[in-house]
Amino acid sequence: MLKKLYVSDSLTETDDGFEFKLKNTLATSTIVGSPVIEIDGTPVDVTFSSGDETVQASEISEENSYAFEKGMTVTVSGSKSIEDGAHTIKIKTPTDEWDTLEFEVEDTL
């Protein structure tokens, strides 16, 4: 079910590294801690961008939470260079409403 948050075929190369998109089609949730994003088993530092707002994922905490509202699309960007081909993306994040959400998807660059 959580895999529905990932926008299929959204993994792209950027000048600085990579990006992919998450779209919340399920329910509003509040991220209350630093999300862990892994590409092929390696943790990467990322930013979340939506509209004019950009947040460093490592700065998200209970005191500095991030509202991921239903219907919202977030671009997740990282500065790690990744090669063309298939990749496993793992996302694990603490939320106020559902404790820790964790899922894994495959996408191709």
PDB file of N, CA and C in Angstrom:
ATOM      1  N   MET A   1       0.816  -1.195   0.000  1.00  0.00           N
ATOM      2  CA  MET A   1       0.000   0.000   0.000  1.00  0.00           C
ATOM      3  C   MET A   1       0.861   1.261   0.000  1.00  0.00           C
ATOM      4  N   LEU A   2       1.906   1.303   0.828  1.00  0.00           N
ATOM      5  CA  LEU A   2       2.749   2.493   0.910  1.00  0.00           C
ATOM      6  C   LEU A   2       3.525   2.745  -0.375  1.00  0.00           C
ATOM      7  N   LYS A   3       3.744   1.700  -1.169  1.00  0.00           N
ATOM      8  CA  LYS A   3       4.450   1.872  -2.435  1.00  0.00           C
ATOM      9  C   LYS A   3       3.698   2.826  -3.361  1.00  0.00           C
ATOM     10  N   LYS A   4       2.401   3.007  -3.114  1.00  0.00           N
ATOM     11  CA  LYS A   4       1.607   3.931  -3.928  1.00  0.00           C
ATOM     12  C   LYS A   4       2.061   5.376  -3.765  1.00  0.00           C
ATOM     13  N   LEU A   5       2.810   5.655  -2.693  1.00  0.00           N
ATOM     14  CA  LEU A   5       3.340   7.008  -2.490  1.00  0.00           C
ATOM     15  C   LEU A   5       4.410   7.348  -3.523  1.00  0.00           C
ATOM     16  N   TYR A   6       5.110   6.336  -4.011  1.00  0.00           N
ATOM     17  CA  TYR A   6       6.190   6.561  -4.962  1.00  0.00           C
ATOM     18  C   TYR A   6       5.616   6.764  -6.355  1.00  0.00           C
ATOM     19  N   VAL A   7       6.047   7.829  -7.036  1.00  0.00           N
ATOM     20  CA  VAL A   7       5.603   8.091  -8.408  1.00  0.00           C
ATOM     21  C   VAL A   7       6.468   7.248  -9.347  1.00  0.00           C
ATOM     22  N   SER A   8       5.849   6.278  -9.991  1.00  0.00           N
ATOM     23  CA  SER A   8       6.571   5.362 -10.874  1.00  0.00           C
ATOM     24  C   SER A   8       7.352   6.105 -11.944  1.00  0.00           C
ATOM     25  N   ASP A   9       8.529   5.591 -12.242  1.00  0.00           N
ATOM     26  CA  ASP A   9       9.409   6.140 -13.289  1.00  0.00           C
ATOM     27  C   ASP A   9       9.810   7.587 -13.035  1.00  0.00           C
ATOM     28  N   SER A  10       9.840   8.006 -11.774  1.00  0.00           N
ATOM     29  CA  SER A  10      10.201   9.402 -11.474  1.00  0.00           C
ATOM     30  C   SER A  10      11.684   9.577 -11.141  1.00  0.00           C
ATOM     31  N   LEU A  11      12.429   8.490 -11.019  1.00  0.00           N
ATOM     32  CA  LEU A  11      13.856   8.592 -10.725  1.00  0.00           C
ATOM     33  C   LEU A  11      14.572   9.189 -11.924  1.00  0.00           C
ATOM     34  N   THR A  12      15.210  10.333 -11.717  1.00  0.00           N
ATOM     35  CA  THR A  12      15.931  11.001 -12.798  1.00  0.00           C
ATOM     36  C   THR A  12      17.284  11.489 -12.295  1.00  0.00           C
ATOM     37  N   GLU A  13      18.189  11.655 -13.236  1.00  0.00           N
ATOM     38  CA  GLU A  13      19.509  12.213 -12.942  1.00  0.00           C
ATOM     39  C   GLU A  13      19.400  13.734 -12.991  1.00  0.00           C
ATOM     40  N   THR A  14      20.093  14.401 -12.081  1.00  0.00           N
ATOM     41  CA  THR A  14      20.151  15.861 -12.076  1.00  0.00           C
ATOM     42  C   THR A  14      21.610  16.290 -12.151  1.00  0.00           C
ATOM     43  N   ASP A  15      21.848  17.584 -12.285  1.00  0.00           N
ATOM     44  CA  ASP A  15      23.221  18.094 -12.311  1.00  0.00           C
ATOM     45  C   ASP A  15      23.970  17.756 -11.024  1.00  0.00           C
ATOM     46  N   ASP A  16      23.224  17.698  -9.902  1.00  0.00           N
ATOM     47  CA  ASP A  16      23.834  17.450  -8.595  1.00  0.00           C
ATOM     48  C   ASP A  16      23.775  16.003  -8.144  1.00  0.00           C
ATOM     49  N   GLY A  17      22.981  15.163  -8.811  1.00  0.00           N
ATOM     50  CA  GLY A  17      22.833  13.787  -8.355  1.00  0.00           C
ATOM     51  C   GLY A  17      21.596  13.124  -8.921  1.00  0.00           C
ATOM     52  N   PHE A  18      20.537  13.044  -8.099  1.00  0.00           N
ATOM     53  CA  PHE A  18      19.308  12.367  -8.515  1.00  0.00           C
ATOM     54  C   PHE A  18      18.105  13.040  -7.859  1.00  0.00           C
ATOM     55  N   GLU A  19      16.930  12.678  -8.358  1.00  0.00           N
ATOM     56  CA  GLU A  19      15.691  13.054  -7.692  1.00  0.00           C
ATOM     57  C   GLU A  19      14.605  12.049  -8.058  1.00  0.00           C
ATOM     58  N   PHE A  20      13.601  11.965  -7.193  1.00  0.00           N
ATOM     59  CA  PHE A  20      12.404  11.186  -7.466  1.00  0.00           C
ATOM     60  C   PHE A  20      11.244  11.866  -6.767  1.00  0.00           C
ATOM     61  N   LYS A  21      10.040  11.422  -7.072  1.00  0.00           N
ATOM     62  CA  LYS A  21       8.851  12.079  -6.526  1.00  0.00           C
ATOM     63  C   LYS A  21       8.019  11.116  -5.681  1.00  0.00           C
ATOM     64  N   LEU A  22       7.431  11.687  -4.641  1.00  0.00           N
ATOM     65  CA  LEU A  22       6.448  11.005  -3.809  1.00  0.00           C
ATOM     66  C   LEU A  22       5.154  11.797  -3.891  1.00  0.00           C
ATOM     67  N   LYS A  23       4.044  11.107  -4.091  1.00  0.00           N
ATOM     68  CA  LYS A  23       2.741  11.779  -4.099  1.00  0.00           C
ATOM     69  C   LYS A  23       1.854  11.107  -3.066  1.00  0.00           C
ATOM     70  N   ASN A  24       1.350  11.910  -2.143  1.00  0.00           N
ATOM     71  CA  ASN A  24       0.529  11.372  -1.066  1.00  0.00           C
ATOM     72  C   ASN A  24      -0.920  11.249  -1.529  1.00  0.00           C
ATOM     73  N   THR A  25      -1.304  10.044  -1.888  1.00  0.00           N
ATOM     74  CA  THR A  25      -2.681   9.762  -2.297  1.00  0.00           C
ATOM     75  C   THR A  25      -3.447   9.052  -1.187  1.00  0.00           C
ATOM     76  N   LEU A  26      -2.816   8.893  -0.023  1.00  0.00           N
ATOM     77  CA  LEU A  26      -3.422   8.097   1.047  1.00  0.00           C
ATOM     78  C   LEU A  26      -4.082   8.953   2.126  1.00  0.00           C
ATOM     79  N   ALA A  27      -3.311   9.597   2.950  1.00  0.00           N
ATOM     80  CA  ALA A  27      -3.837  10.421   4.045  1.00  0.00           C
ATOM     81  C   ALA A  27      -2.730  11.339   4.537  1.00  0.00           C
ATOM     82  N   THR A  28      -3.104  12.485   5.058  1.00  0.00           N
ATOM     83  CA  THR A  28      -2.125  13.416   5.601  1.00  0.00           C
ATOM     84  C   THR A  28      -1.345  12.754   6.729  1.00  0.00           C
ATOM     85  N   SER A  29      -0.042  12.952   6.720  1.00  0.00           N
ATOM     86  CA  SER A  29       0.785  12.457   7.811  1.00  0.00           C
ATOM     87  C   SER A  29       1.822  13.509   8.166  1.00  0.00           C
ATOM     88  N   THR A  30       2.283  13.454   9.393  1.00  0.00           N
ATOM     89  CA  THR A  30       3.269  14.402   9.888  1.00  0.00           C
ATOM     90  C   THR A  30       4.565  13.656  10.150  1.00  0.00           C
ATOM     91  N   ILE A  31       5.604  14.016   9.414  1.00  0.00           N
ATOM     92  CA  ILE A  31       6.916  13.394   9.600  1.00  0.00           C
ATOM     93  C   ILE A  31       7.566  14.083  10.801  1.00  0.00           C
ATOM     94  N   VAL A  32       7.939  13.279  11.799  1.00  0.00           N
ATOM     95  CA  VAL A  32       8.415  13.845  13.068  1.00  0.00           C
ATOM     96  C   VAL A  32       9.862  13.464  13.401  1.00  0.00           C
ATOM     97  N   GLY A  33      10.582  13.018  12.409  1.00  0.00           N
ATOM     98  CA  GLY A  33      11.979  12.673  12.607  1.00  0.00           C
ATOM     99  C   GLY A  33      12.650  12.565  11.257  1.00  0.00           C
ATOM    100  N   SER A  34      13.951  12.540  11.265  1.00  0.00           N
ATOM    101  CA  SER A  34      14.709  12.509  10.017  1.00  0.00           C
ATOM    102  C   SER A  34      14.444  11.217   9.251  1.00  0.00           C
ATOM    103  N   PRO A  35      13.912  11.319   8.038  1.00  0.00           N
ATOM    104  CA  PRO A  35      13.702  10.121   7.222  1.00  0.00           C
ATOM    105  C   PRO A  35      15.031   9.500   6.809  1.00  0.00           C
ATOM    106  N   VAL A  36      15.040   8.192   6.684  1.00  0.00           N
ATOM    107  CA  VAL A  36      16.212   7.485   6.175  1.00  0.00           C
ATOM    108  C   VAL A  36      15.876   7.053   4.746  1.00  0.00           C
ATOM    109  N   ILE A  37      16.665   7.545   3.807  1.00  0.00           N
ATOM    110  CA  ILE A  37      16.499   7.191   2.405  1.00  0.00           C
ATOM    111  C   ILE A  37      17.755   6.432   1.991  1.00  0.00           C
ATOM    112  N   GLU A  38      17.554   5.251   1.400  1.00  0.00           N
ATOM    113  CA  GLU A  38      18.672   4.456   0.914  1.00  0.00           C
ATOM    114  C   GLU A  38      18.507   4.198  -0.569  1.00  0.00           C
ATOM    115  N   ILE A  39      19.607   4.323  -1.293  1.00  0.00           N
ATOM    116  CA  ILE A  39      19.655   3.932  -2.698  1.00  0.00           C
ATOM    117  C   ILE A  39      20.591   2.731  -2.774  1.00  0.00           C
ATOM    118  N   ASP A  40      20.046   1.598  -3.189  1.00  0.00           N
ATOM    119  CA  ASP A  40      20.836   0.360  -3.292  1.00  0.00           C
ATOM    120  C   ASP A  40      21.563   0.045  -1.992  1.00  0.00           C
ATOM    121  N   GLY A  41      20.884   0.268  -0.864  1.00  0.00           N
ATOM    122  CA  GLY A  41      21.430  -0.078   0.449  1.00  0.00           C
ATOM    123  C   GLY A  41      22.335   0.961   1.080  1.00  0.00           C
ATOM    124  N   THR A  42      22.590   2.077   0.377  1.00  0.00           N
ATOM    125  CA  THR A  42      23.455   3.125   0.908  1.00  0.00           C
ATOM    126  C   THR A  42      22.624   4.331   1.330  1.00  0.00           C
ATOM    127  N   PRO A  43      22.695   4.731   2.608  1.00  0.00           N
ATOM    128  CA  PRO A  43      21.948   5.925   3.047  1.00  0.00           C
ATOM    129  C   PRO A  43      22.448   7.170   2.315  1.00  0.00           C
ATOM    130  N   VAL A  44      21.508   8.046   1.949  1.00  0.00           N
ATOM    131  CA  VAL A  44      21.857   9.288   1.258  1.00  0.00           C
ATOM    132  C   VAL A  44      21.161  10.463   1.942  1.00  0.00           C
ATOM    133  N   ASP A  45      21.846  11.605   1.965  1.00  0.00           N
ATOM    134  CA  ASP A  45      21.250  12.844   2.462  1.00  0.00           C
ATOM    135  C   ASP A  45      20.365  13.412   1.371  1.00  0.00           C
ATOM    136  N   VAL A  46      19.157  13.831   1.737  1.00  0.00           N
ATOM    137  CA  VAL A  46      18.215  14.342   0.742  1.00  0.00           C
ATOM    138  C   VAL A  46      17.525  15.605   1.232  1.00  0.00           C
ATOM    139  N   THR A  47      16.934  16.304   0.284  1.00  0.00           N
ATOM    140  CA  THR A  47      16.042  17.413   0.585  1.00  0.00           C
ATOM    141  C   THR A  47      14.662  17.069   0.057  1.00  0.00           C
ATOM    142  N   PHE A  48      13.642  17.632   0.694  1.00  0.00           N
ATOM    143  CA  PHE A  48      12.261  17.519   0.255  1.00  0.00           C
ATOM    144  C   PHE A  48      11.847  18.878  -0.284  1.00  0.00           C
ATOM    145  N   SER A  49      11.283  18.914  -1.484  1.00  0.00           N
ATOM    146  CA  SER A  49      10.820  20.170  -2.069  1.00  0.00           C
ATOM    147  C   SER A  49       9.391  20.023  -2.536  1.00  0.00           C
ATOM    148  N   SER A  50       8.606  21.033  -2.223  1.00  0.00           N
ATOM    149  CA  SER A  50       7.228  21.105  -2.696  1.00  0.00           C
ATOM    150  C   SER A  50       6.870  22.577  -2.817  1.00  0.00           C
ATOM    151  N   GLY A  51       6.495  22.990  -4.027  1.00  0.00           N
ATOM    152  CA  GLY A  51       6.227  24.405  -4.235  1.00  0.00           C
ATOM    153  C   GLY A  51       7.482  25.210  -3.989  1.00  0.00           C
ATOM    154  N   ASP A  52       7.382  26.249  -3.166  1.00  0.00           N
ATOM    155  CA  ASP A  52       8.523  27.109  -2.851  1.00  0.00           C
ATOM    156  C   ASP A  52       9.301  26.647  -1.631  1.00  0.00           C
ATOM    157  N   GLU A  53       8.860  25.574  -0.993  1.00  0.00           N
ATOM    158  CA  GLU A  53       9.480  25.123   0.251  1.00  0.00           C
ATOM    159  C   GLU A  53      10.473  23.984  -0.002  1.00  0.00           C
ATOM    160  N   THR A  54      11.689  24.134   0.519  1.00  0.00           N
ATOM    161  CA  THR A  54      12.699  23.080   0.470  1.00  0.00           C
ATOM    162  C   THR A  54      13.205  22.852   1.883  1.00  0.00           C
ATOM    163  N   VAL A  55      13.229  21.584   2.296  1.00  0.00           N
ATOM    164  CA  VAL A  55      13.634  21.223   3.653  1.00  0.00           C
ATOM    165  C   VAL A  55      14.702  20.140   3.580  1.00  0.00           C
ATOM    166  N   GLN A  56      15.776  20.326   4.311  1.00  0.00           N
ATOM    167  CA  GLN A  56      16.792  19.278   4.448  1.00  0.00           C
ATOM    168  C   GLN A  56      16.202  18.190   5.333  1.00  0.00           C
ATOM    169  N   ALA A  57      16.137  16.966   4.838  1.00  0.00           N
ATOM    170  CA  ALA A  57      15.498  15.880   5.584  1.00  0.00           C
ATOM    171  C   ALA A  57      16.118  15.685   6.963  1.00  0.00           C
ATOM    172  N   SER A  58      17.421  15.901   7.088  1.00  0.00           N
ATOM    173  CA  SER A  58      18.101  15.696   8.374  1.00  0.00           C
ATOM    174  C   SER A  58      17.663  16.712   9.429  1.00  0.00           C
ATOM    175  N   GLU A  59      17.013  17.792   9.015  1.00  0.00           N
ATOM    176  CA  GLU A  59      16.557  18.820   9.956  1.00  0.00           C
ATOM    177  C   GLU A  59      15.136  18.576  10.469  1.00  0.00           C
ATOM    178  N   ILE A  60      14.463  17.556   9.926  1.00  0.00           N
ATOM    179  CA  ILE A  60      13.101  17.256  10.378  1.00  0.00           C
ATOM    180  C   ILE A  60      13.165  16.563  11.731  1.00  0.00           C
ATOM    181  N   SER A  61      12.337  17.036  12.664  1.00  0.00           N
ATOM    182  CA  SER A  61      12.316  16.485  14.019  1.00  0.00           C
ATOM    183  C   SER A  61      10.919  16.687  14.600  1.00  0.00           C
ATOM    184  N   GLU A  62      10.722  16.247  15.828  1.00  0.00           N
ATOM    185  CA  GLU A  62       9.436  16.486  16.485  1.00  0.00           C
ATOM    186  C   GLU A  62       9.161  17.979  16.603  1.00  0.00           C
ATOM    187  N   GLU A  63      10.212  18.757  16.874  1.00  0.00           N
ATOM    188  CA  GLU A  63      10.057  20.207  17.018  1.00  0.00           C
ATOM    189  C   GLU A  63       9.973  20.911  15.665  1.00  0.00           C
ATOM    190  N   ASN A  64      10.478  20.278  14.627  1.00  0.00           N
ATOM    191  CA  ASN A  64      10.497  20.852  13.281  1.00  0.00           C
ATOM    192  C   ASN A  64       9.909  19.820  12.315  1.00  0.00           C
ATOM    193  N   SER A  65       8.628  19.503  12.508  1.00  0.00           N
ATOM    194  CA  SER A  65       7.984  18.443  11.739  1.00  0.00           C
ATOM    195  C   SER A  65       7.680  18.900  10.310  1.00  0.00           C
ATOM    196  N   TYR A  66       7.341  17.925   9.471  1.00  0.00           N
ATOM    197  CA  TYR A  66       7.047  18.180   8.063  1.00  0.00           C
ATOM    198  C   TYR A  66       5.692  17.575   7.747  1.00  0.00           C
ATOM    199  N   ALA A  67       4.736  18.412   7.351  1.00  0.00           N
ATOM    200  CA  ALA A  67       3.390  17.943   7.023  1.00  0.00           C
ATOM    201  C   ALA A  67       3.370  17.456   5.577  1.00  0.00           C
ATOM    202  N   PHE A  68       3.103  16.172   5.409  1.00  0.00           N
ATOM    203  CA  PHE A  68       2.982  15.570   4.081  1.00  0.00           C
ATOM    204  C   PHE A  68       1.487  15.371   3.847  1.00  0.00           C
ATOM    205  N   GLU A  69       0.863  16.410   3.303  1.00  0.00           N
ATOM    206  CA  GLU A  69      -0.594  16.446   3.190  1.00  0.00           C
ATOM    207  C   GLU A  69      -1.102  15.588   2.032  1.00  0.00           C
ATOM    208  N   LYS A  70      -2.313  15.057   2.207  1.00  0.00           N
ATOM    209  CA  LYS A  70      -2.937  14.267   1.152  1.00  0.00           C
ATOM    210  C   LYS A  70      -3.048  15.124  -0.102  1.00  0.00           C
ATOM    211  N   GLY A  71      -2.642  14.567  -1.238  1.00  0.00           N
ATOM    212  CA  GLY A  71      -2.655  15.276  -2.509  1.00  0.00           C
ATOM    213  C   GLY A  71      -1.351  15.984  -2.838  1.00  0.00           C
ATOM    214  N   MET A  72      -0.456  16.075  -1.883  1.00  0.00           N
ATOM    215  CA  MET A  72       0.816  16.787  -2.042  1.00  0.00           C
ATOM    216  C   MET A  72       1.840  15.919  -2.791  1.00  0.00           C
ATOM    217  N   THR A  73       2.606  16.555  -3.695  1.00  0.00           N
ATOM    218  CA  THR A  73       3.715  15.889  -4.369  1.00  0.00           C
ATOM    219  C   THR A  73       5.008  16.509  -3.870  1.00  0.00           C
ATOM    220  N   VAL A  74       5.944  15.661  -3.469  1.00  0.00           N
ATOM    221  CA  VAL A  74       7.235  16.097  -2.950  1.00  0.00           C
ATOM    222  C   VAL A  74       8.335  15.554  -3.859  1.00  0.00           C
ATOM    223  N   THR A  75       9.270  16.419  -4.216  1.00  0.00           N
ATOM    224  CA  THR A  75      10.455  15.990  -4.946  1.00  0.00           C
ATOM    225  C   THR A  75      11.559  15.730  -3.927  1.00  0.00           C
ATOM    226  N   VAL A  76      12.092  14.522  -3.944  1.00  0.00           N
ATOM    227  CA  VAL A  76      13.171  14.121  -3.047  1.00  0.00           C
ATOM    228  C   VAL A  76      14.465  14.169  -3.860  1.00  0.00           C
ATOM    229  N   SER A  77      15.409  15.010  -3.435  1.00  0.00           N
ATOM    230  CA  SER A  77      16.651  15.211  -4.191  1.00  0.00           C
ATOM    231  C   SER A  77      17.859  14.840  -3.342  1.00  0.00           C
ATOM    232  N   GLY A  78      18.831  14.198  -3.989  1.00  0.00           N
ATOM    233  CA  GLY A  78      20.065  13.840  -3.313  1.00  0.00           C
ATOM    234  C   GLY A  78      21.268  14.182  -4.164  1.00  0.00           C
ATOM    235  N   SER A  79      22.399  14.390  -3.518  1.00  0.00           N
ATOM    236  CA  SER A  79      23.606  14.779  -4.241  1.00  0.00           C
ATOM    237  C   SER A  79      24.497  13.586  -4.599  1.00  0.00           C
ATOM    238  N   LYS A  80      24.043  12.387  -4.336  1.00  0.00           N
ATOM    239  CA  LYS A  80      24.813  11.186  -4.674  1.00  0.00           C
ATOM    240  C   LYS A  80      24.638  10.884  -6.164  1.00  0.00           C
ATOM    241  N   SER A  81      25.733  10.671  -6.842  1.00  0.00           N
ATOM    242  CA  SER A  81      25.686  10.283  -8.248  1.00  0.00           C
ATOM    243  C   SER A  81      25.358   8.793  -8.333  1.00  0.00           C
ATOM    244  N   ILE A  82      24.392   8.440  -9.166  1.00  0.00           N
ATOM    245  CA  ILE A  82      24.042   7.032  -9.343  1.00  0.00           C
ATOM    246  C   ILE A  82      24.124   6.688 -10.828  1.00  0.00           C
ATOM    247  N   GLU A  83      24.455   5.452 -11.102  1.00  0.00           N
ATOM    248  CA  GLU A  83      24.648   4.999 -12.478  1.00  0.00           C
ATOM    249  C   GLU A  83      23.316   4.655 -13.123  1.00  0.00           C
ATOM    250  N   ASP A  84      23.315   4.649 -14.452  1.00  0.00           N
ATOM    251  CA  ASP A  84      22.139   4.209 -15.197  1.00  0.00           C
ATOM    252  C   ASP A  84      21.833   2.763 -14.831  1.00  0.00           C
ATOM    253  N   GLY A  85      20.546   2.422 -14.867  1.00  0.00           N
ATOM    254  CA  GLY A  85      20.139   1.056 -14.583  1.00  0.00           C
ATOM    255  C   GLY A  85      19.102   1.006 -13.482  1.00  0.00           C
ATOM    256  N   ALA A  86      18.821  -0.197 -13.015  1.00  0.00           N
ATOM    257  CA  ALA A  86      17.810  -0.428 -11.978  1.00  0.00           C
ATOM    258  C   ALA A  86      18.375  -0.114 -10.600  1.00  0.00           C
ATOM    259  N   HIS A  87      17.522   0.471  -9.760  1.00  0.00           N
ATOM    260  CA  HIS A  87      17.919   0.831  -8.397  1.00  0.00           C
ATOM    261  C   HIS A  87      16.802   0.497  -7.414  1.00  0.00           C
ATOM    262  N   THR A  88      17.220   0.143  -6.198  1.00  0.00           N
ATOM    263  CA  THR A  88      16.282  -0.085  -5.102  1.00  0.00           C
ATOM    264  C   THR A  88      16.300   1.150  -4.211  1.00  0.00           C
ATOM    265  N   ILE A  89      15.124   1.692  -3.981  1.00  0.00           N
ATOM    266  CA  ILE A  89      14.977   2.870  -3.115  1.00  0.00           C
ATOM    267  C   ILE A  89      14.191   2.447  -1.888  1.00  0.00           C
ATOM    268  N   LYS A  90      14.785   2.651  -0.726  1.00  0.00           N
ATOM    269  CA  LYS A  90      14.136   2.308   0.548  1.00  0.00           C
ATOM    270  C   LYS A  90      13.880   3.595   1.309  1.00  0.00           C
ATOM    271  N   ILE A  91      12.670   3.722   1.816  1.00  0.00           N
ATOM    272  CA  ILE A  91      12.270   4.911   2.568  1.00  0.00           C
ATOM    273  C   ILE A  91      11.735   4.462   3.922  1.00  0.00           C
ATOM    274  N   LYS A  92      12.269   5.073   4.979  1.00  0.00           N
ATOM    275  CA  LYS A  92      11.838   4.767   6.344  1.00  0.00           C
ATOM    276  C   LYS A  92      11.741   6.090   7.085  1.00  0.00           C
ATOM    277  N   THR A  93      10.544   6.382   7.607  1.00  0.00           N
ATOM    278  CA  THR A  93      10.371   7.665   8.277  1.00  0.00           C
ATOM    279  C   THR A  93       9.399   7.558   9.445  1.00  0.00           C
ATOM    280  N   PRO A  94       9.730   8.216  10.548  1.00  0.00           N
ATOM    281  CA  PRO A  94       8.805   8.247  11.686  1.00  0.00           C
ATOM    282  C   PRO A  94       7.696   9.271  11.440  1.00  0.00           C
ATOM    283  N   THR A  95       6.474   8.887  11.771  1.00  0.00           N
ATOM    284  CA  THR A  95       5.342   9.810  11.639  1.00  0.00           C
ATOM    285  C   THR A  95       4.583   9.882  12.944  1.00  0.00           C
ATOM    286  N   ASP A  96       3.845  10.953  13.087  1.00  0.00           N
ATOM    287  CA  ASP A  96       3.033  11.143  14.280  1.00  0.00           C
ATOM    288  C   ASP A  96       1.825  10.208  14.278  1.00  0.00           C
ATOM    289  N   GLU A  97       1.251   9.993  13.116  1.00  0.00           N
ATOM    290  CA  GLU A  97      -0.001   9.240  13.017  1.00  0.00           C
ATOM    291  C   GLU A  97       0.177   7.726  12.949  1.00  0.00           C
ATOM    292  N   TRP A  98       1.266   7.238  12.307  1.00  0.00           N
ATOM    293  CA  TRP A  98       1.415   5.801  12.057  1.00  0.00           C
ATOM    294  C   TRP A  98       2.744   5.241  12.531  1.00  0.00           C
ATOM    295  N   ASP A  99       3.335   5.821  13.529  1.00  0.00           N
ATOM    296  CA  ASP A  99       4.657   5.379  13.984  1.00  0.00           C
ATOM    297  C   ASP A  99       5.637   5.443  12.810  1.00  0.00           C
ATOM    298  N   THR A 100       6.358   4.379  12.537  1.00  0.00           N
ATOM    299  CA  THR A 100       7.350   4.396  11.463  1.00  0.00           C
ATOM    300  C   THR A 100       6.773   3.779  10.199  1.00  0.00           C
ATOM    301  N   LEU A 101       6.862   4.524   9.111  1.00  0.00           N
ATOM    302  CA  LEU A 101       6.460   4.017   7.806  1.00  0.00           C
ATOM    303  C   LEU A 101       7.713   3.568   7.070  1.00  0.00           C
ATOM    304  N   GLU A 102       7.646   2.415   6.437  1.00  0.00           N
ATOM    305  CA  GLU A 102       8.802   1.888   5.725  1.00  0.00           C
ATOM    306  C   GLU A 102       8.331   1.151   4.477  1.00  0.00           C
ATOM    307  N   PHE A 103       8.969   1.458   3.355  1.00  0.00           N
ATOM    308  CA  PHE A 103       8.679   0.732   2.129  1.00  0.00           C
ATOM    309  C   PHE A 103       9.871   0.791   1.188  1.00  0.00           C
ATOM    310  N   GLU A 104       9.833  -0.074   0.191  1.00  0.00           N
ATOM    311  CA  GLU A 104      10.933  -0.205  -0.766  1.00  0.00           C
ATOM    312  C   GLU A 104      10.339  -0.306  -2.169  1.00  0.00           C
ATOM    313  N   VAL A 105      10.965   0.375  -3.122  1.00  0.00           N
ATOM    314  CA  VAL A 105      10.516   0.324  -4.504  1.00  0.00           C
ATOM    315  C   VAL A 105      11.720   0.130  -5.419  1.00  0.00           C
ATOM    316  N   GLU A 106      11.451  -0.280  -6.636  1.00  0.00           N
ATOM    317  CA  GLU A 106      12.465  -0.407  -7.672  1.00  0.00           C
ATOM    318  C   GLU A 106      12.147   0.628  -8.747  1.00  0.00           C
ATOM    319  N   ASP A 107      13.178   1.286  -9.261  1.00  0.00           N
ATOM    320  CA  ASP A 107      13.010   2.212 -10.375  1.00  0.00           C
ATOM    321  C   ASP A 107      14.286   2.183 -11.203  1.00  0.00           C
ATOM    322  N   THR A 108      14.194   2.677 -12.415  1.00  0.00           N
ATOM    323  CA  THR A 108      15.320   2.645 -13.339  1.00  0.00           C
ATOM    324  C   THR A 108      15.698   4.048 -13.766  1.00  0.00           C
ATOM    325  N   LEU A 109      16.983   4.289 -13.782  1.00  0.00           N
ATOM    326  CA  LEU A 109      17.504   5.587 -14.225  1.00  0.00           C
ATOM    327  C   LEU A 109      17.894   5.469 -15.687  1.00  0.00           C
TER     328      LEU A 109
END
